[in-house]
Amino acid sequence: MRRITNPKHPNVDQVGTDIEHKGELHRITDVGGDYFQVVRHRDGWGENVRISEINGR
């Protein structure tokens, strides 16, 4: 996986991790601004999700 994100972003270390979002397994593929790009394992569907939704802050 190629990291596109600026390495100075505070959440860049979470790129590549698997998370459970909306009851399904997703992988964080990119981060920028206030959003993570997450891709659903089941079918490869990508969406932008606020970082605060994932990290719970």
C-alpha atoms as a PDB file:
ATOM      1  CA  MET A   1       0.000   0.000   0.000  1.00  0.00           C
ATOM      2  CA  ARG A   2       1.403   3.379  -0.983  1.00  0.00           C
ATOM      3  CA  ARG A   3       1.028   6.141   1.572  1.00  0.00           C
ATOM      4  CA  ILE A   4      -0.149   9.373  -0.074  1.00  0.00           C
ATOM      5  CA  THR A   5      -0.587  11.352   3.120  1.00  0.00           C
ATOM      6  CA  ASN A   6       1.699  14.065   4.360  1.00  0.00           C
ATOM      7  CA  PRO A   7       3.865  12.346   7.016  1.00  0.00           C
ATOM      8  CA  LYS A   8       3.379  15.303   9.389  1.00  0.00           C
ATOM      9  CA  HIS A   9      -0.343  14.600   9.929  1.00  0.00           C
ATOM     10  CA  PRO A  10      -0.951  13.615  13.592  1.00  0.00           C
ATOM     11  CA  ASN A  11      -3.001  10.520  12.638  1.00  0.00           C
ATOM     12  CA  VAL A  12      -0.718   9.201   9.869  1.00  0.00           C
ATOM     13  CA  ASP A  13       0.290   6.242  12.052  1.00  0.00           C
ATOM     14  CA  GLN A  14      -3.269   4.855  11.795  1.00  0.00           C
ATOM     15  CA  VAL A  15      -3.105   4.448   8.003  1.00  0.00           C
ATOM     16  CA  GLY A  16      -3.242   0.744   7.109  1.00  0.00           C
ATOM     17  CA  THR A  17      -5.058  -0.379  10.254  1.00  0.00           C
ATOM     18  CA  ASP A  18      -8.306  -2.351  10.223  1.00  0.00           C
ATOM     19  CA  ILE A  19     -11.271  -0.917  12.096  1.00  0.00           C
ATOM     20  CA  GLU A  20     -14.910  -1.793  12.620  1.00  0.00           C
ATOM     21  CA  HIS A  21     -17.176   0.922  11.241  1.00  0.00           C
ATOM     22  CA  LYS A  22     -20.964   0.636  10.838  1.00  0.00           C
ATOM     23  CA  GLY A  23     -20.771  -3.015  11.902  1.00  0.00           C
ATOM     24  CA  GLU A  24     -18.356  -4.049   9.134  1.00  0.00           C
ATOM     25  CA  LEU A  25     -14.592  -4.349   8.806  1.00  0.00           C
ATOM     26  CA  HIS A  26     -12.868  -1.422   7.060  1.00  0.00           C
ATOM     27  CA  ARG A  27      -9.252  -0.424   6.426  1.00  0.00           C
ATOM     28  CA  ILE A  28      -7.963   3.139   6.776  1.00  0.00           C
ATOM     29  CA  THR A  29      -6.170   3.909   3.507  1.00  0.00           C
ATOM     30  CA  ASP A  30      -5.528   7.657   3.712  1.00  0.00           C
ATOM     31  CA  VAL A  31      -5.877  10.621   6.048  1.00  0.00           C
ATOM     32  CA  GLY A  32      -6.169  14.302   5.352  1.00  0.00           C
ATOM     33  CA  GLY A  33      -7.571  17.264   7.212  1.00  0.00           C
ATOM     34  CA  ASP A  34     -10.370  16.027   9.464  1.00  0.00           C
ATOM     35  CA  TYR A  35     -11.159  12.856   7.494  1.00  0.00           C
ATOM     36  CA  PHE A  36     -10.000   9.262   7.066  1.00  0.00           C
ATOM     37  CA  GLN A  37     -10.504   7.471   3.755  1.00  0.00           C
ATOM     38  CA  VAL A  38     -11.801   4.018   4.707  1.00  0.00           C
ATOM     39  CA  VAL A  39     -12.369   1.057   2.389  1.00  0.00           C
ATOM     40  CA  ARG A  40     -14.832  -1.729   3.224  1.00  0.00           C
ATOM     41  CA  HIS A  41     -13.262  -5.210   3.085  1.00  0.00           C
ATOM     42  CA  ARG A  42     -16.387  -6.896   1.731  1.00  0.00           C
ATOM     43  CA  ASP A  43     -16.532  -5.079  -1.592  1.00  0.00           C
ATOM     44  CA  GLY A  44     -13.837  -2.392  -1.695  1.00  0.00           C
ATOM     45  CA  TRP A  45     -16.251   0.520  -1.319  1.00  0.00           C
ATOM     46  CA  GLY A  46     -14.466   3.650  -0.087  1.00  0.00           C
ATOM     47  CA  GLU A  47     -15.815   6.565   1.877  1.00  0.00           C
ATOM     48  CA  ASN A  48     -14.589   9.537   3.866  1.00  0.00           C
ATOM     49  CA  VAL A  49     -15.263   9.403   7.599  1.00  0.00           C
ATOM     50  CA  ARG A  50     -14.510  12.073  10.188  1.00  0.00           C
ATOM     51  CA  ILE A  51     -11.512  11.204  12.370  1.00  0.00           C
ATOM     52  CA  SER A  52     -13.563  11.978  15.481  1.00  0.00           C
ATOM     53  CA  GLU A  53     -16.087   9.265  14.499  1.00  0.00           C
ATOM     54  CA  ILE A  54     -13.343   6.628  14.310  1.00  0.00           C
ATOM     55  CA  ASN A  55     -11.310   7.700  17.350  1.00  0.00           C
ATOM     56  CA  GLY A  56     -14.314   8.589  19.488  1.00  0.00           C
ATOM     57  CA  ARG A  57     -13.260  12.086  20.495  1.00  0.00           C
END
